[in-house]
Structures are given as C-alpha cells and as structure tokens.
C-alpha atoms as a PDB file:
ATOM      1  CA  UNK A   1     -56.781  44.252 -40.410  1.00  0.00           C
ATOM      2  CA  UNK A   2     -56.435  43.323 -36.721  1.00  0.00           C
ATOM      3  CA  UNK A   3     -54.642  40.086 -37.600  1.00  0.00           C
ATOM      4  CA  UNK A   4     -52.363  41.973 -39.966  1.00  0.00           C
ATOM      5  CA  UNK A   5     -51.331  44.434 -37.238  1.00  0.00           C
ATOM      6  CA  UNK A   6     -50.794  41.611 -34.751  1.00  0.00           C
ATOM      7  CA  UNK A   7     -48.593  39.698 -37.200  1.00  0.00           C
ATOM      8  CA  UNK A   8     -46.517  42.801 -37.960  1.00  0.00           C
ATOM      9  CA  UNK A   9     -46.034  43.730 -34.320  1.00  0.00           C
ATOM     10  CA  UNK A  10     -45.247  40.181 -33.280  1.00  0.00           C
ATOM     11  CA  UNK A  11     -42.814  39.933 -36.203  1.00  0.00           C
ATOM     12  CA  UNK A  12     -41.049  43.106 -35.004  1.00  0.00           C
ATOM     13  CA  UNK A  13     -40.998  41.723 -31.463  1.00  0.00           C
ATOM     14  CA  UNK A  14     -39.418  38.475 -32.665  1.00  0.00           C
ATOM     15  CA  UNK A  15     -36.861  40.507 -34.591  1.00  0.00           C
ATOM     16  CA  UNK A  16     -35.965  42.478 -31.468  1.00  0.00           C
ATOM     17  CA  UNK A  17     -35.553  39.172 -29.607  1.00  0.00           C
ATOM     18  CA  UNK A  18     -33.328  37.892 -32.460  1.00  0.00           C
ATOM     19  CA  UNK A  19     -35.791  35.095 -33.239  1.00  0.00           C
ATOM     20  CA  UNK A  20     -35.462  35.729 -36.929  1.00  0.00           C
ATOM     21  CA  UNK A  21     -37.159  32.604 -38.285  1.00  0.00           C
ATOM     22  CA  UNK A  22     -40.294  33.368 -36.270  1.00  0.00           C
ATOM     23  CA  UNK A  23     -40.149  37.011 -37.358  1.00  0.00           C
ATOM     24  CA  UNK A  24     -39.775  35.863 -40.950  1.00  0.00           C
ATOM     25  CA  UNK A  25     -42.850  33.642 -40.661  1.00  0.00           C
ATOM     26  CA  UNK A  26     -45.042  36.378 -39.183  1.00  0.00           C
ATOM     27  CA  UNK A  27     -43.911  39.064 -41.592  1.00  0.00           C
ATOM     28  CA  UNK A  28     -44.294  36.728 -44.581  1.00  0.00           C
ATOM     29  CA  UNK A  29     -47.866  36.073 -43.467  1.00  0.00           C
ATOM     30  CA  UNK A  30     -48.427  39.820 -43.103  1.00  0.00           C
ATOM     31  CA  UNK A  31     -47.036  40.461 -46.582  1.00  0.00           C
ATOM     32  CA  UNK A  32     -49.390  37.815 -47.990  1.00  0.00           C
ATOM     33  CA  UNK A  33     -52.296  39.658 -46.374  1.00  0.00           C
ATOM     34  CA  UNK A  34     -51.118  43.072 -47.605  1.00  0.00           C
ATOM     35  CA  UNK A  35     -48.549  42.697 -50.418  1.00  0.00           C
ATOM     36  CA  UNK A  36     -48.187  46.456 -50.964  1.00  0.00           C
ATOM     37  CA  UNK A  37     -47.063  47.271 -47.408  1.00  0.00           C
ATOM     38  CA  UNK A  38     -43.573  48.720 -47.938  1.00  0.00           C
ATOM     39  CA  UNK A  39     -42.658  48.671 -44.237  1.00  0.00           C
ATOM     40  CA  UNK A  40     -43.354  44.938 -44.048  1.00  0.00           C
ATOM     41  CA  UNK A  41     -41.393  44.348 -47.255  1.00  0.00           C
ATOM     42  CA  UNK A  42     -38.421  46.322 -45.887  1.00  0.00           C
ATOM     43  CA  UNK A  43     -38.506  44.478 -42.566  1.00  0.00           C
ATOM     44  CA  UNK A  44     -38.792  41.138 -44.330  1.00  0.00           C
ATOM     45  CA  UNK A  45     -35.783  41.917 -46.525  1.00  0.00           C
ATOM     46  CA  UNK A  46     -33.766  42.827 -43.424  1.00  0.00           C
ATOM     47  CA  UNK A  47     -34.866  39.724 -41.558  1.00  0.00           C
ATOM     48  CA  UNK A  48     -34.216  37.474 -44.560  1.00  0.00           C
ATOM     49  CA  UNK A  49     -30.613  38.702 -44.456  1.00  0.00           C
ATOM     50  CA  UNK A  50     -30.352  37.742 -40.773  1.00  0.00           C
ATOM     51  CA  UNK A  51     -31.868  34.314 -41.479  1.00  0.00           C
ATOM     52  CA  UNK A  52     -29.354  33.719 -44.299  1.00  0.00           C
ATOM     53  CA  UNK A  53     -26.487  34.749 -41.998  1.00  0.00           C
ATOM     54  CA  UNK A  54     -27.707  32.361 -39.297  1.00  0.00           C
ATOM     55  CA  UNK A  55     -27.974  29.540 -41.837  1.00  0.00           C
ATOM     56  CA  UNK A  56     -24.450  30.241 -43.086  1.00  0.00           C
ATOM     57  CA  UNK A  57     -23.122  30.238 -39.508  1.00  0.00           C
ATOM     58  CA  UNK A  58     -24.892  26.940 -38.865  1.00  0.00           C
ATOM     59  CA  UNK A  59     -23.376  25.428 -42.021  1.00  0.00           C
ATOM     60  CA  UNK A  60     -19.910  26.598 -40.925  1.00  0.00           C
ATOM     61  CA  UNK A  61     -20.406  25.072 -37.465  1.00  0.00           C
ATOM     62  CA  UNK A  62     -21.481  21.769 -39.011  1.00  0.00           C
ATOM     63  CA  UNK A  63     -18.478  21.825 -41.342  1.00  0.00           C
ATOM     64  CA  UNK A  64     -16.155  22.583 -38.449  1.00  0.00           C
ATOM     65  CA  UNK A  65     -17.602  19.770 -36.322  1.00  0.00           C
ATOM     66  CA  UNK A  66     -17.350  17.348 -39.250  1.00  0.00           C
ATOM     67  CA  UNK A  67     -13.782  18.467 -39.958  1.00  0.00           C
ATOM     68  CA  UNK A  68     -12.835  18.009 -36.296  1.00  0.00           C
ATOM     69  CA  UNK A  69     -14.386  14.538 -36.323  1.00  0.00           C
ATOM     70  CA  UNK A  70     -12.466  13.604 -39.482  1.00  0.00           C
ATOM     71  CA  UNK A  71      -9.222  14.796 -37.862  1.00  0.00           C
ATOM     72  CA  UNK A  72      -9.950  12.719 -34.769  1.00  0.00           C
ATOM     73  CA  UNK A  73     -10.633   9.642 -36.895  1.00  0.00           C
ATOM     74  CA  UNK A  74      -7.301  10.137 -38.684  1.00  0.00           C
ATOM     75  CA  UNK A  75      -5.457  10.468 -35.370  1.00  0.00           C
ATOM     76  CA  UNK A  76      -7.130   7.337 -33.997  1.00  0.00           C
ATOM     77  CA  UNK A  77      -6.216   5.377 -37.127  1.00  0.00           C
ATOM     78  CA  UNK A  78      -2.575   6.436 -36.731  1.00  0.00           C
ATOM     79  CA  UNK A  79      -2.542   5.424 -33.060  1.00  0.00           C
ATOM     80  CA  UNK A  80      -4.084   2.060 -33.987  1.00  0.00           C
ATOM     81  CA  UNK A  81      -1.466   1.516 -36.704  1.00  0.00           C
ATOM     82  CA  UNK A  82       1.341   2.281 -34.231  1.00  0.00           C
ATOM     83  CA  UNK A  83      -0.210  -0.106 -31.711  1.00  0.00           C
ATOM     84  CA  UNK A  84      -0.540  -2.810 -34.362  1.00  0.00           C
ATOM     85  CA  UNK A  85       3.128  -2.361 -35.268  1.00  0.00           C
ATOM     86  CA  UNK A  86       4.143  -2.819 -31.636  1.00  0.00           C
ATOM     87  CA  UNK A  87       1.841  -5.823 -31.314  1.00  0.00           C
ATOM     88  CA  UNK A  88       3.284  -7.518 -34.431  1.00  0.00           C
ATOM     89  CA  UNK A  89       6.812  -7.007 -33.139  1.00  0.00           C
ATOM     90  CA  UNK A  90       5.614  -8.485 -29.828  1.00  0.00           C
ATOM     91  CA  UNK A  91       6.299  -5.272 -27.911  1.00  0.00           C
ATOM     92  CA  UNK A  92       3.103  -5.781 -25.954  1.00  0.00           C
ATOM     93  CA  UNK A  93       3.700  -3.070 -23.372  1.00  0.00           C
ATOM     94  CA  UNK A  94       4.089  -0.415 -26.084  1.00  0.00           C
ATOM     95  CA  UNK A  95       1.086  -1.871 -27.927  1.00  0.00           C
ATOM     96  CA  UNK A  96      -0.994  -1.673 -24.759  1.00  0.00           C
ATOM     97  CA  UNK A  97       0.058   1.957 -24.242  1.00  0.00           C
ATOM     98  CA  UNK A  98      -0.868   2.890 -27.822  1.00  0.00           C
ATOM     99  CA  UNK A  99      -4.229   1.161 -27.688  1.00  0.00           C
ATOM    100  CA  UNK A 100      -4.975   2.719 -24.290  1.00  0.00           C
ATOM    101  CA  UNK A 101      -4.104   6.159 -25.671  1.00  0.00           C
ATOM    102  CA  UNK A 102      -6.484   5.590 -28.585  1.00  0.00           C
ATOM    103  CA  UNK A 103      -9.280   4.346 -26.343  1.00  0.00           C
ATOM    104  CA  UNK A 104      -8.885   7.290 -23.980  1.00  0.00           C
ATOM    105  CA  UNK A 105      -8.873   9.771 -26.861  1.00  0.00           C
ATOM    106  CA  UNK A 106     -11.958   8.176 -28.405  1.00  0.00           C
ATOM    107  CA  UNK A 107     -13.845   8.592 -25.116  1.00  0.00           C
ATOM    108  CA  UNK A 108     -13.421  12.390 -25.182  1.00  0.00           C
END
C-alpha cells in the first residue's frame, strides 16, 4: 500500500512537471498493483494522451528535419550540376564560384 501511494504521488508529480513518460511508467505500475483504482485509470488515460501527442510532435519534427535535409541535397545537386556545366564549357571562374557556393552551403 505504501509503494502504491508513492507511485501514484510520484506519477502525479511527474505529470505536473510535464514528464509524461515517467508519469506513465509510475501510474502503470500503480494500476498493476491496484487495477480497480479509478483515479489511477483516469490519470493514466490523460497521461497516455499527452504521451501520444509528444510522440506525434516528435515524428513531425523528424519528418520536417528529413524534408529539410532532402531539400538541401536537391539544392546542392543543382549547384553541382551548374558548376559542372561551367567546368565543361571551360568557364572555370564561374565553375569555381558555383562549387564554392555549394561547399559553403553544405557547411551550414
């Protein structure tokens, strides 16, 4: 019973601190100890929603970062192609400028 109370209170504390995964772990453990506790079940349902929202936000951030990286790769390929065109036509100054632009962009 003492462990149950400690898990519930710590779970609520984690929730208040917006540490939802830790709250979820504690309250899941509490529910396993006392499956019929409606307050724990309610809190766990609420926290599960927050955890899902955080996971969705994380997935969106990863998608955005990947999309940004893909866009950068496309831009760098275009700059390289322009530089190669200048190089083939022996316009070495323009080729150098294009390649320098690509190198500088890749460093950011």
